Amino acid sequence: METQNMKAFVLALCLAVFVATCWAHGPEPAASVTDPAAPAVNAIKNAGNAVKDAATPAVNAAEEAGSAAKDAATPAATAVRDATAPAAHAAAEKSESFAQWAYDKLSSGFGLRSADEKTIAQNAKMDAGEAMHAAEQRVEESFDSTKHKVGEAYESAKKAATENGKKK
């Protein structure tokens, strides 16, 4: 317990020294006293504003380039989604036919062949629809991921242009 008391004492002492140091000059300086750093502060502010003004065209150009890249990538991502759609449908059809084949083999092996054929077809159709829906979701997720990455690239280009403008 002594260690905790010592820590609390040291913390209180540091706080007291900090408060005393900050309040030594009062909350407001006298009106007759001028700040010797004021000209330097103003010069730094003016230089900062000049850098900001000089960097603005570069930032705007980077924003436009990023926006153009994003606009250019959107049709590409859409094309990828559209190009993979037939593959997703084909996979769903193959899944349906495999499911039907497997069901036929199992039901004939167990003597369940007399089951209602309409129910079997409906179940296979539902399974195929679920497989197709899952494939479509994967394509949409891929599209969204591509779109997100393009947005990140845009932000990265914007940040790089901003930093480049600040360095000049």
Protein backbone atom coordinates (compact mmCIF):
# COMPACT_ATOMS: atom_id res chain seq x y z
CA MET A 1 0.00 0.00 0.00
CA GLU A 2 2.95 2.32 0.54
CA THR A 3 3.83 2.21 -3.17
CA GLN A 4 0.35 3.36 -4.11
CA ASN A 5 0.48 6.17 -1.55
CA MET A 6 3.87 7.24 -2.92
CA LYS A 7 2.53 7.23 -6.49
CA ALA A 8 -0.48 9.31 -5.45
CA PHE A 9 1.79 11.78 -3.63
CA VAL A 10 4.12 12.16 -6.63
CA LEU A 11 1.12 12.62 -8.94
CA ALA A 12 -0.35 15.29 -6.65
CA LEU A 13 3.04 17.03 -6.43
CA CYS A 14 3.40 17.05 -10.25
CA LEU A 15 -0.11 18.43 -10.60
CA ALA A 16 0.61 21.18 -8.06
CA VAL A 17 3.82 22.16 -9.86
CA PHE A 18 2.00 22.22 -13.21
CA VAL A 19 -0.82 24.39 -11.88
CA ALA A 20 1.59 26.76 -10.16
CA THR A 21 3.67 27.11 -13.33
CA CYS A 22 0.67 27.81 -15.53
CA TRP A 23 -0.90 30.37 -13.18
CA ALA A 24 2.32 32.20 -12.39
CA HIS A 25 1.65 34.90 -14.97
CA GLY A 26 -2.09 35.15 -14.45
CA PRO A 27 -4.83 34.24 -16.88
CA GLU A 28 -4.28 37.30 -19.14
CA PRO A 29 -1.03 39.13 -19.92
CA ALA A 30 -0.84 42.85 -19.30
CA ALA A 31 -1.95 45.05 -22.19
CA SER A 32 1.37 46.89 -22.32
CA VAL A 33 3.37 43.68 -22.81
CA THR A 34 3.76 42.65 -26.46
CA ASP A 35 4.37 39.11 -27.56
CA PRO A 36 7.91 38.91 -28.97
CA ALA A 37 6.97 35.84 -31.03
CA ALA A 38 4.02 37.54 -32.76
CA PRO A 39 5.92 38.49 -35.96
CA ALA A 40 7.29 34.95 -36.27
CA VAL A 41 3.86 33.45 -35.65
CA ASN A 42 2.34 35.71 -38.29
CA ALA A 43 5.08 34.82 -40.77
CA ILE A 44 4.47 31.11 -40.16
CA LYS A 45 0.72 31.58 -40.61
CA ASN A 46 1.30 33.47 -43.87
CA ALA A 47 3.69 30.78 -45.12
CA GLY A 48 1.15 28.11 -44.22
CA ASN A 49 -1.56 29.94 -46.12
CA ALA A 50 0.74 30.30 -49.13
CA VAL A 51 1.50 26.57 -49.10
CA LYS A 52 -2.19 25.82 -48.79
CA ASP A 53 -3.00 28.10 -51.73
CA ALA A 54 -0.21 26.55 -53.82
CA ALA A 55 -1.35 23.01 -53.02
CA THR A 56 -5.02 23.61 -53.80
CA PRO A 57 -4.69 23.09 -57.61
CA ALA A 58 -2.73 19.88 -57.05
CA VAL A 59 -5.34 18.60 -54.61
CA ASN A 60 -8.13 19.50 -57.02
CA ALA A 61 -6.31 17.74 -59.86
CA ALA A 62 -5.80 14.66 -57.68
CA GLU A 63 -9.48 14.67 -56.75
CA GLU A 64 -10.46 14.88 -60.41
CA ALA A 65 -8.01 12.11 -61.34
CA GLY A 66 -9.30 9.92 -58.53
CA SER A 67 -12.88 10.59 -59.53
CA ALA A 68 -12.04 9.75 -63.15
CA ALA A 69 -10.33 6.53 -62.03
CA LYS A 70 -13.33 5.62 -59.94
CA ASP A 71 -15.68 6.35 -62.84
CA ALA A 72 -13.45 4.31 -65.17
CA ALA A 73 -13.33 1.35 -62.77
CA THR A 74 -17.07 1.20 -62.21
CA PRO A 75 -17.86 -0.03 -65.76
CA ALA A 76 -15.00 -2.52 -65.48
CA ALA A 77 -16.39 -3.88 -62.24
CA THR A 78 -19.84 -4.02 -63.78
CA ALA A 79 -18.39 -5.86 -66.77
CA VAL A 80 -16.76 -8.38 -64.43
CA ARG A 81 -20.06 -8.92 -62.65
CA ASP A 82 -21.89 -9.32 -65.96
CA ALA A 83 -19.19 -11.62 -67.34
CA THR A 84 -19.36 -13.92 -64.32
CA ALA A 85 -23.16 -14.09 -64.30
CA PRO A 86 -23.35 -16.78 -67.02
CA ALA A 87 -20.78 -18.86 -65.13
CA ALA A 88 -22.88 -18.54 -61.99
CA HIS A 89 -25.99 -19.66 -63.87
CA ALA A 90 -24.09 -22.56 -65.43
CA ALA A 91 -22.81 -23.60 -62.01
CA ALA A 92 -26.35 -23.50 -60.67
CA GLU A 93 -27.58 -25.68 -63.55
CA LYS A 94 -24.76 -28.18 -63.00
CA SER A 95 -25.52 -28.23 -59.31
CA GLU A 96 -29.17 -28.90 -60.07
CA SER A 97 -28.38 -31.76 -62.41
CA PHE A 98 -25.86 -33.28 -59.98
CA ALA A 99 -28.33 -33.01 -57.11
CA GLN A 100 -30.99 -34.71 -59.21
CA TRP A 101 -28.58 -37.46 -60.29
CA ALA A 102 -27.44 -38.06 -56.70
CA TYR A 103 -31.00 -38.16 -55.45
CA ASP A 104 -32.00 -40.60 -58.19
CA LYS A 105 -29.10 -42.90 -57.34
CA LEU A 106 -29.80 -42.85 -53.62
CA SER A 107 -33.56 -43.24 -53.91
CA SER A 108 -33.30 -46.14 -56.38
CA GLY A 109 -30.76 -47.82 -54.10
CA PHE A 110 -33.06 -47.59 -51.08
CA GLY A 111 -36.25 -48.40 -52.94
CA LEU A 112 -37.71 -44.93 -52.55
CA ARG A 113 -38.17 -44.45 -56.29
CA SER A 114 -41.94 -44.30 -55.90
CA ALA A 115 -41.76 -40.81 -54.30
CA ASP A 116 -43.69 -38.02 -55.93
CA GLU A 117 -41.67 -36.83 -58.96
CA LYS A 118 -43.16 -33.35 -58.72
CA THR A 119 -41.84 -32.90 -55.19
CA ILE A 120 -38.41 -34.04 -56.29
CA ALA A 121 -38.38 -31.57 -59.15
CA GLN A 122 -39.49 -28.75 -56.87
CA ASN A 123 -36.77 -29.57 -54.35
CA ALA A 124 -34.15 -29.65 -57.08
CA LYS A 125 -35.42 -26.33 -58.41
CA MET A 126 -35.20 -24.78 -54.96
CA ASP A 127 -31.66 -26.12 -54.49
CA ALA A 128 -30.61 -24.72 -57.84
CA GLY A 129 -32.19 -21.38 -57.03
CA GLU A 130 -30.30 -21.24 -53.73
CA ALA A 131 -27.03 -22.10 -55.48
CA MET A 132 -27.66 -19.43 -58.11
CA HIS A 133 -28.52 -16.89 -55.42
CA ALA A 134 -25.30 -17.70 -53.55
CA ALA A 135 -23.27 -17.30 -56.75
CA GLU A 136 -24.95 -13.97 -57.48
CA GLN A 137 -24.15 -12.79 -53.96
CA ARG A 138 -20.50 -13.71 -54.43
CA VAL A 139 -20.44 -11.74 -57.69
CA GLU A 140 -22.05 -8.72 -56.01
CA GLU A 141 -19.58 -8.95 -53.12
CA SER A 142 -16.74 -9.02 -55.63
CA PHE A 143 -18.18 -5.97 -57.35
CA ASP A 144 -18.55 -4.12 -54.05
CA SER A 145 -15.02 -5.08 -53.04
CA THR A 146 -13.63 -3.80 -56.34
CA LYS A 147 -15.60 -0.60 -56.00
CA HIS A 148 -14.30 -0.16 -52.41
CA LYS A 149 -10.69 -0.71 -53.49
CA VAL A 150 -11.05 1.89 -56.23
CA GLY A 151 -12.39 4.33 -53.66
CA GLU A 152 -9.41 3.60 -51.41
CA ALA A 153 -7.05 4.17 -54.34
CA TYR A 154 -8.77 7.49 -54.97
CA GLU A 155 -8.34 8.53 -51.33
CA SER A 156 -4.70 7.41 -51.38
CA ALA A 157 -4.00 9.46 -54.52
CA LYS A 158 -5.72 12.43 -52.97
CA LYS A 159 -3.67 12.10 -49.79
CA ALA A 160 -0.43 11.72 -51.76
CA ALA A 161 -1.22 14.80 -53.82
CA THR A 162 -2.02 16.75 -50.68
CA GLU A 163 1.24 15.69 -49.05
CA ASN A 164 3.15 16.43 -52.24
CA GLY A 165 1.58 19.87 -52.37
CA LYS A 166 2.53 20.50 -48.73
CA LYS A 167 6.15 19.57 -49.42
CA LYS A 168 6.46 22.21 -52.14
